[in-house]
C-alpha atoms as a PDB file:
ATOM      1  CA  MET A   1     -38.978  37.353  32.846  1.00  0.00           C
ATOM      2  CA  SER A   2     -42.675  37.148  32.123  1.00  0.00           C
ATOM      3  CA  ASN A   3     -43.442  35.952  35.715  1.00  0.00           C
ATOM      4  CA  PHE A   4     -41.379  38.818  37.216  1.00  0.00           C
ATOM      5  CA  LEU A   5     -43.181  41.354  35.086  1.00  0.00           C
ATOM      6  CA  SER A   6     -46.506  39.923  36.047  1.00  0.00           C
ATOM      7  CA  SER A   7     -45.656  40.052  39.765  1.00  0.00           C
ATOM      8  CA  SER A   8     -46.274  42.805  42.026  1.00  0.00           C
ATOM      9  CA  ILE A   9     -42.504  43.894  42.418  1.00  0.00           C
ATOM     10  CA  GLY A  10     -42.297  43.460  38.550  1.00  0.00           C
ATOM     11  CA  LYS A  11     -45.002  46.089  38.159  1.00  0.00           C
ATOM     12  CA  LYS A  12     -43.550  48.388  40.559  1.00  0.00           C
ATOM     13  CA  PHE A  13     -40.053  48.063  38.757  1.00  0.00           C
ATOM     14  CA  LEU A  14     -41.582  48.972  35.473  1.00  0.00           C
ATOM     15  CA  MET A  15     -43.596  51.772  37.021  1.00  0.00           C
ATOM     16  CA  SER A  16     -40.221  53.084  38.641  1.00  0.00           C
ATOM     17  CA  ILE A  17     -37.938  52.823  35.395  1.00  0.00           C
ATOM     18  CA  THR A  18     -40.847  54.613  33.345  1.00  0.00           C
ATOM     19  CA  GLY A  19     -41.376  57.216  35.886  1.00  0.00           C
ATOM     20  CA  LEU A  20     -37.675  58.056  36.283  1.00  0.00           C
ATOM     21  CA  PHE A  21     -37.362  58.200  32.422  1.00  0.00           C
ATOM     22  CA  LEU A  22     -40.324  60.498  32.248  1.00  0.00           C
ATOM     23  CA  VAL A  23     -38.716  62.814  34.983  1.00  0.00           C
ATOM     24  CA  THR A  24     -35.690  63.266  32.845  1.00  0.00           C
ATOM     25  CA  PHE A  25     -38.041  64.242  29.878  1.00  0.00           C
ATOM     26  CA  LEU A  26     -39.494  66.844  32.316  1.00  0.00           C
ATOM     27  CA  PHE A  27     -36.228  68.335  33.107  1.00  0.00           C
ATOM     28  CA  ILE A  28     -35.697  68.795  29.402  1.00  0.00           C
ATOM     29  CA  HIS A  29     -39.133  70.129  28.679  1.00  0.00           C
ATOM     30  CA  LEU A  30     -39.002  72.772  31.438  1.00  0.00           C
ATOM     31  CA  SER A  31     -35.674  74.025  30.289  1.00  0.00           C
ATOM     32  CA  LEU A  32     -37.008  74.603  27.006  1.00  0.00           C
ATOM     33  CA  ASN A  33     -40.009  76.358  28.352  1.00  0.00           C
ATOM     34  CA  ALA A  34     -38.157  78.693  30.634  1.00  0.00           C
ATOM     35  CA  LEU A  35     -36.914  80.265  27.344  1.00  0.00           C
ATOM     36  CA  LEU A  36     -40.328  81.630  26.876  1.00  0.00           C
ATOM     37  CA  LEU A  37     -39.473  83.828  29.452  1.00  0.00           C
ATOM     38  CA  VAL A  38     -36.546  85.391  27.766  1.00  0.00           C
ATOM     39  CA  ASN A  39     -37.489  88.966  26.317  1.00  0.00           C
ATOM     40  CA  ASP A  40     -36.338  88.435  22.660  1.00  0.00           C
ATOM     41  CA  ASP A  41     -39.591  88.033  20.813  1.00  0.00           C
ATOM     42  CA  GLY A  42     -39.260  84.389  20.911  1.00  0.00           C
ATOM     43  CA  GLU A  43     -35.990  83.876  19.157  1.00  0.00           C
ATOM     44  CA  LEU A  44     -34.302  81.702  21.483  1.00  0.00           C
ATOM     45  CA  PHE A  45     -37.187  79.540  22.059  1.00  0.00           C
ATOM     46  CA  ASN A  46     -37.813  79.108  18.352  1.00  0.00           C
ATOM     47  CA  ALA A  47     -34.039  78.166  18.016  1.00  0.00           C
ATOM     48  CA  ALA A  48     -34.364  75.410  20.786  1.00  0.00           C
ATOM     49  CA  ALA A  49     -37.463  74.183  19.198  1.00  0.00           C
ATOM     50  CA  HIS A  50     -36.250  73.996  15.846  1.00  0.00           C
ATOM     51  CA  PHE A  51     -33.303  71.991  17.228  1.00  0.00           C
ATOM     52  CA  MET A  52     -35.734  69.554  19.095  1.00  0.00           C
ATOM     53  CA  ALA A  53     -37.753  69.278  16.054  1.00  0.00           C
ATOM     54  CA  THR A  54     -34.926  68.464  13.777  1.00  0.00           C
ATOM     55  CA  ASN A  55     -32.546  66.464  15.877  1.00  0.00           C
ATOM     56  CA  PRO A  56     -32.656  62.923  14.778  1.00  0.00           C
ATOM     57  CA  LEU A  57     -32.004  61.720  18.462  1.00  0.00           C
ATOM     58  CA  ILE A  58     -35.304  63.545  19.571  1.00  0.00           C
ATOM     59  CA  LYS A  59     -37.088  61.900  16.552  1.00  0.00           C
ATOM     60  CA  ILE A  60     -36.072  58.517  17.951  1.00  0.00           C
ATOM     61  CA  MET A  61     -36.980  59.458  21.475  1.00  0.00           C
ATOM     62  CA  GLU A  62     -40.481  60.600  20.916  1.00  0.00           C
ATOM     63  CA  PRO A  63     -41.953  57.135  20.339  1.00  0.00           C
ATOM     64  CA  ILE A  64     -39.860  55.746  23.251  1.00  0.00           C
ATOM     65  CA  LEU A  65     -41.438  58.591  25.430  1.00  0.00           C
ATOM     66  CA  ALA A  66     -44.841  57.785  24.140  1.00  0.00           C
ATOM     67  CA  LEU A  67     -44.394  54.087  25.176  1.00  0.00           C
ATOM     68  CA  GLY A  68     -42.892  55.004  28.454  1.00  0.00           C
ATOM     69  CA  PHE A  69     -46.121  56.948  29.323  1.00  0.00           C
ATOM     70  CA  ILE A  70     -48.342  54.266  28.084  1.00  0.00           C
ATOM     71  CA  VAL A  71     -46.418  51.404  30.266  1.00  0.00           C
ATOM     72  CA  HIS A  72     -46.701  53.785  33.129  1.00  0.00           C
ATOM     73  CA  ILE A  73     -50.184  54.334  32.866  1.00  0.00           C
ATOM     74  CA  ILE A  74     -50.968  50.730  32.318  1.00  0.00           C
ATOM     75  CA  TYR A  75     -48.922  49.371  35.159  1.00  0.00           C
ATOM     76  CA  ALA A  76     -50.229  52.015  37.507  1.00  0.00           C
ATOM     77  CA  SER A  77     -53.764  51.010  36.639  1.00  0.00           C
ATOM     78  CA  LEU A  78     -52.852  47.300  37.211  1.00  0.00           C
ATOM     79  CA  LEU A  79     -51.273  48.056  40.590  1.00  0.00           C
ATOM     80  CA  THR A  80     -54.335  50.034  41.663  1.00  0.00           C
ATOM     81  CA  LEU A  81     -56.843  47.468  40.842  1.00  0.00           C
ATOM     82  CA  GLN A  82     -54.597  44.688  42.514  1.00  0.00           C
ATOM     83  CA  ASN A  83     -54.314  46.561  45.687  1.00  0.00           C
ATOM     84  CA  GLN A  84     -57.841  47.438  45.721  1.00  0.00           C
ATOM     85  CA  LYS A  85     -58.958  43.598  45.204  1.00  0.00           C
ATOM     86  CA  ALA A  86     -56.412  42.350  47.762  1.00  0.00           C
ATOM     87  CA  ARG A  87     -57.691  44.942  50.432  1.00  0.00           C
ATOM     88  CA  GLY A  88     -61.267  44.339  49.630  1.00  0.00           C
ATOM     89  CA  SER A  89     -63.670  46.110  51.863  1.00  0.00           C
ATOM     90  CA  ASP A  90     -60.810  46.700  54.352  1.00  0.00           C
ATOM     91  CA  ARG A  91     -59.729  49.653  52.107  1.00  0.00           C
ATOM     92  CA  TYR A  92     -62.898  51.667  53.156  1.00  0.00           C
ATOM     93  CA  ALA A  93     -61.890  51.072  56.813  1.00  0.00           C
ATOM     94  CA  SER A  94     -58.201  51.971  56.432  1.00  0.00           C
ATOM     95  CA  GLY A  95     -58.296  54.406  53.418  1.00  0.00           C
ATOM     96  CA  ASN A  96     -57.262  58.121  54.487  1.00  0.00           C
ATOM     97  CA  SER A  97     -57.235  57.315  57.879  1.00  0.00           C
ATOM     98  CA  THR A  98     -53.871  55.212  57.594  1.00  0.00           C
ATOM     99  CA  PRO A  99     -51.433  56.908  59.841  1.00  0.00           C
ATOM    100  CA  ASP A 100     -47.739  58.045  58.744  1.00  0.00           C
ATOM    101  CA  VAL A 101     -48.955  57.752  55.034  1.00  0.00           C
ATOM    102  CA  SER A 102     -48.878  60.982  52.920  1.00  0.00           C
ATOM    103  CA  TRP A 103     -51.775  62.337  51.496  1.00  0.00           C
ATOM    104  CA  ALA A 104     -50.057  61.957  47.899  1.00  0.00           C
ATOM    105  CA  SER A 105     -49.116  58.438  48.482  1.00  0.00           C
ATOM    106  CA  LYS A 106     -52.809  57.377  49.200  1.00  0.00           C
ATOM    107  CA  ASN A 107     -53.911  59.313  46.215  1.00  0.00           C
ATOM    108  CA  MET A 108     -51.596  58.456  43.547  1.00  0.00           C
ATOM    109  CA  TYR A 109     -53.924  57.007  40.955  1.00  0.00           C
ATOM    110  CA  ILE A 110     -56.180  60.199  41.364  1.00  0.00           C
ATOM    111  CA  LEU A 111     -53.293  62.438  40.912  1.00  0.00           C
ATOM    112  CA  GLY A 112     -52.006  60.221  37.992  1.00  0.00           C
ATOM    113  CA  ALA A 113     -55.435  60.742  36.380  1.00  0.00           C
ATOM    114  CA  THR A 114     -55.159  64.594  36.874  1.00  0.00           C
ATOM    115  CA  VAL A 115     -51.860  64.337  35.194  1.00  0.00           C
ATOM    116  CA  LEU A 116     -53.046  62.466  32.360  1.00  0.00           C
ATOM    117  CA  ALA A 117     -56.049  64.774  31.974  1.00  0.00           C
ATOM    118  CA  PHE A 118     -53.552  67.737  31.829  1.00  0.00           C
ATOM    119  CA  LEU A 119     -51.221  65.716  29.385  1.00  0.00           C
ATOM    120  CA  ILE A 120     -54.325  65.378  26.918  1.00  0.00           C
ATOM    121  CA  VAL A 121     -54.948  69.123  27.148  1.00  0.00           C
ATOM    122  CA  HIS A 122     -51.361  69.694  26.369  1.00  0.00           C
ATOM    123  CA  ILE A 123     -51.202  67.282  23.594  1.00  0.00           C
ATOM    124  CA  ALA A 124     -54.497  69.069  22.066  1.00  0.00           C
ATOM    125  CA  GLN A 125     -53.185  72.557  22.584  1.00  0.00           C
ATOM    126  CA  PHE A 126     -49.463  72.035  21.243  1.00  0.00           C
ATOM    127  CA  TRP A 127     -48.371  68.723  19.950  1.00  0.00           C
ATOM    128  CA  VAL A 128     -51.495  68.115  17.482  1.00  0.00           C
ATOM    129  CA  LYS A 129     -50.924  71.700  16.370  1.00  0.00           C
ATOM    130  CA  PHE A 130     -47.188  71.244  15.973  1.00  0.00           C
ATOM    131  CA  LYS A 131     -47.223  67.822  14.453  1.00  0.00           C
ATOM    132  CA  ILE A 132     -50.405  67.101  12.913  1.00  0.00           C
ATOM    133  CA  THR A 133     -52.475  70.246  11.694  1.00  0.00           C
ATOM    134  CA  LYS A 134     -49.066  72.380  11.311  1.00  0.00           C
ATOM    135  CA  GLU A 135     -50.560  75.526  12.444  1.00  0.00           C
ATOM    136  CA  LEU A 136     -47.076  77.196  12.755  1.00  0.00           C
ATOM    137  CA  GLU A 137     -46.273  80.155  10.624  1.00  0.00           C
ATOM    138  CA  PRO A 138     -42.681  80.516   9.333  1.00  0.00           C
ATOM    139  CA  THR A 139     -40.136  83.117  10.870  1.00  0.00           C
ATOM    140  CA  HIS A 140     -36.576  83.838  10.396  1.00  0.00           C
ATOM    141  CA  ILE A 141     -33.951  83.767  13.323  1.00  0.00           C
ATOM    142  CA  ASP A 142     -30.288  84.201  13.537  1.00  0.00           C
ATOM    143  CA  ILE A 143     -28.618  80.629  14.089  1.00  0.00           C
ATOM    144  CA  ALA A 144     -24.725  80.639  14.446  1.00  0.00           C
ATOM    145  CA  GLY A 145     -24.746  83.897  12.174  1.00  0.00           C
ATOM    146  CA  VAL A 146     -27.110  82.415   9.556  1.00  0.00           C
ATOM    147  CA  LYS A 147     -30.493  83.775   8.540  1.00  0.00           C
ATOM    148  CA  THR A 148     -32.641  80.535   9.035  1.00  0.00           C
ATOM    149  CA  GLU A 149     -36.336  80.087   8.320  1.00  0.00           C
ATOM    150  CA  VAL A 150     -37.956  78.186  11.257  1.00  0.00           C
ATOM    151  CA  GLU A 151     -41.442  77.530  12.389  1.00  0.00           C
ATOM    152  CA  ASN A 152     -42.731  80.120  14.931  1.00  0.00           C
ATOM    153  CA  ALA A 153     -43.618  77.811  17.694  1.00  0.00           C
ATOM    154  CA  TYR A 154     -43.204  80.698  20.243  1.00  0.00           C
ATOM    155  CA  PHE A 155     -46.156  82.627  18.602  1.00  0.00           C
ATOM    156  CA  LEU A 156     -48.632  79.704  18.860  1.00  0.00           C
ATOM    157  CA  VAL A 157     -47.322  79.092  22.718  1.00  0.00           C
ATOM    158  CA  ASN A 158     -47.452  82.639  23.400  1.00  0.00           C
ATOM    159  CA  LYS A 159     -51.112  82.904  21.824  1.00  0.00           C
ATOM    160  CA  THR A 160     -52.262  79.916  23.908  1.00  0.00           C
ATOM    161  CA  PHE A 161     -51.064  81.126  27.127  1.00  0.00           C
ATOM    162  CA  GLY A 162     -52.937  84.430  26.563  1.00  0.00           C
ATOM    163  CA  ILE A 163     -56.213  82.414  27.087  1.00  0.00           C
ATOM    164  CA  LEU A 164     -57.098  82.619  30.742  1.00  0.00           C
ATOM    165  CA  TRP A 165     -58.768  79.138  30.942  1.00  0.00           C
ATOM    166  CA  VAL A 166     -55.650  77.408  29.513  1.00  0.00           C
ATOM    167  CA  VAL A 167     -53.432  78.912  31.902  1.00  0.00           C
ATOM    168  CA  ILE A 168     -55.639  77.914  34.866  1.00  0.00           C
ATOM    169  CA  VAL A 169     -55.603  74.272  33.608  1.00  0.00           C
ATOM    170  CA  TYR A 170     -51.827  74.423  33.476  1.00  0.00           C
ATOM    171  CA  VAL A 171     -51.471  75.627  36.936  1.00  0.00           C
ATOM    172  CA  ILE A 172     -53.832  72.929  38.396  1.00  0.00           C
ATOM    173  CA  GLY A 173     -52.206  70.262  35.967  1.00  0.00           C
ATOM    174  CA  SER A 174     -48.653  71.463  37.153  1.00  0.00           C
ATOM    175  CA  ILE A 175     -49.653  71.302  41.070  1.00  0.00           C
ATOM    176  CA  GLY A 176     -51.414  67.787  40.385  1.00  0.00           C
ATOM    177  CA  LEU A 177     -47.918  66.724  38.753  1.00  0.00           C
ATOM    178  CA  ALA A 178     -45.991  68.217  41.635  1.00  0.00           C
ATOM    179  CA  TRP A 179     -47.950  66.040  44.060  1.00  0.00           C
ATOM    180  CA  HIS A 180     -47.816  62.922  42.133  1.00  0.00           C
ATOM    181  CA  LEU A 181     -43.961  63.306  41.745  1.00  0.00           C
ATOM    182  CA  SER A 182     -43.501  64.139  45.378  1.00  0.00           C
ATOM    183  CA  HIS A 183     -44.368  60.628  46.263  1.00  0.00           C
ATOM    184  CA  GLY A 184     -43.302  59.091  43.197  1.00  0.00           C
ATOM    185  CA  VAL A 185     -39.779  59.935  42.973  1.00  0.00           C
ATOM    186  CA  TRP A 186     -38.547  58.590  46.104  1.00  0.00           C
ATOM    187  CA  SER A 187     -41.084  55.548  46.003  1.00  0.00           C
ATOM    188  CA  ALA A 188     -39.089  54.770  42.449  1.00  0.00           C
ATOM    189  CA  PHE A 189     -35.650  54.891  44.098  1.00  0.00           C
ATOM    190  CA  GLN A 190     -36.982  52.717  47.056  1.00  0.00           C
ATOM    191  CA  THR A 191     -38.309  50.258  44.626  1.00  0.00           C
ATOM    192  CA  LEU A 192     -35.153  49.849  42.856  1.00  0.00           C
ATOM    193  CA  GLY A 193     -33.359  49.271  46.002  1.00  0.00           C
ATOM    194  CA  TRP A 194     -31.394  52.397  46.448  1.00  0.00           C
ATOM    195  CA  SER A 195     -32.911  53.269  49.678  1.00  0.00           C
ATOM    196  CA  ASN A 196     -32.494  52.339  53.303  1.00  0.00           C
ATOM    197  CA  THR A 197     -33.474  54.144  56.635  1.00  0.00           C
ATOM    198  CA  LEU A 198     -31.134  57.073  55.946  1.00  0.00           C
ATOM    199  CA  TRP A 199     -31.507  57.383  52.325  1.00  0.00           C
ATOM    200  CA  ARG A 200     -35.270  57.059  52.526  1.00  0.00           C
ATOM    201  CA  LYS A 201     -35.587  60.239  54.318  1.00  0.00           C
ATOM    202  CA  ARG A 202     -32.994  61.981  51.664  1.00  0.00           C
ATOM    203  CA  TRP A 203     -34.912  60.553  48.804  1.00  0.00           C
ATOM    204  CA  GLU A 204     -38.248  61.918  50.213  1.00  0.00           C
ATOM    205  CA  VAL A 205     -36.714  65.513  50.501  1.00  0.00           C
ATOM    206  CA  ILE A 206     -34.965  65.182  46.812  1.00  0.00           C
ATOM    207  CA  GLY A 207     -38.242  64.050  45.435  1.00  0.00           C
ATOM    208  CA  THR A 208     -40.410  66.878  47.176  1.00  0.00           C
ATOM    209  CA  VAL A 209     -37.747  69.476  45.798  1.00  0.00           C
ATOM    210  CA  ILE A 210     -37.843  68.011  42.457  1.00  0.00           C
ATOM    211  CA  ALA A 211     -41.651  67.768  42.251  1.00  0.00           C
ATOM    212  CA  TRP A 212     -42.010  71.431  43.164  1.00  0.00           C
ATOM    213  CA  ILE A 213     -39.497  72.533  40.769  1.00  0.00           C
ATOM    214  CA  PHE A 214     -41.617  71.122  38.024  1.00  0.00           C
ATOM    215  CA  GLY A 215     -44.797  72.323  39.856  1.00  0.00           C
ATOM    216  CA  ILE A 216     -43.842  75.851  40.402  1.00  0.00           C
ATOM    217  CA  GLY A 217     -41.809  75.999  37.107  1.00  0.00           C
ATOM    218  CA  PHE A 218     -44.577  75.160  34.735  1.00  0.00           C
ATOM    219  CA  SER A 219     -47.111  77.151  36.719  1.00  0.00           C
ATOM    220  CA  ALA A 220     -44.963  80.114  36.556  1.00  0.00           C
ATOM    221  CA  ILE A 221     -44.081  80.028  33.007  1.00  0.00           C
ATOM    222  CA  ALA A 222     -47.846  79.846  32.051  1.00  0.00           C
ATOM    223  CA  VAL A 223     -48.806  82.892  34.458  1.00  0.00           C
ATOM    224  CA  LEU A 224     -45.998  85.012  33.642  1.00  0.00           C
ATOM    225  CA  GLN A 225     -46.660  84.484  29.799  1.00  0.00           C
ATOM    226  CA  TYR A 226     -50.129  85.578  30.441  1.00  0.00           C
ATOM    227  CA  LEU A 227     -49.359  88.619  32.688  1.00  0.00           C
ATOM    228  CA  PHE A 228     -46.360  90.209  30.995  1.00  0.00           C
ATOM    229  CA  PHE A 229     -45.822  88.632  27.427  1.00  0.00           C
ATOM    230  CA  GLN A 230     -49.085  89.351  25.532  1.00  0.00           C
END
């Protein structure tokens, strides 16, 4: 097993598994964030955030999610260094002139670094304030007919998306994420052996659609919050 994980295909396998796991998380995250656009003073978003914060399964998944990010980043770095070493000076000759290879495919590490920078900003703006500094005021919402005190996560998110530079960073980060996933999703399925001549084209289309659902979705939420919910 250790030989497999240290091999090139083993590294790609782990990147694929962790990458698809993170895509699943992104679907959940986007669904939750979409509630920011419901015009109810944040009640539905706060109810969903309260559920996520108090659900035991989510508490278990949080460290697993963090581990998935770490493993994905480490193996992406190892593969990039390994490929650069294998190509040597040839990478300067082939580089961006390589035909029939998408721009995203040739710049996955740069796009990944963009996504990582975006993630760091996101953690600093929200996760740290939610979990560490506890910068949330209490509010009361109706849950199943019962008036319940919850943390006002909506207020913090809404206030943050009222800052123009934060919105710009989110749009740039979301576009970087979309470009990264446009190659990463179909590449993961190919690595796992779920692809052939016919299905590669299909996975490319599916991957592109998924990628831009995230890219446009996260961007639109930030922009619409800034324009219409302040």
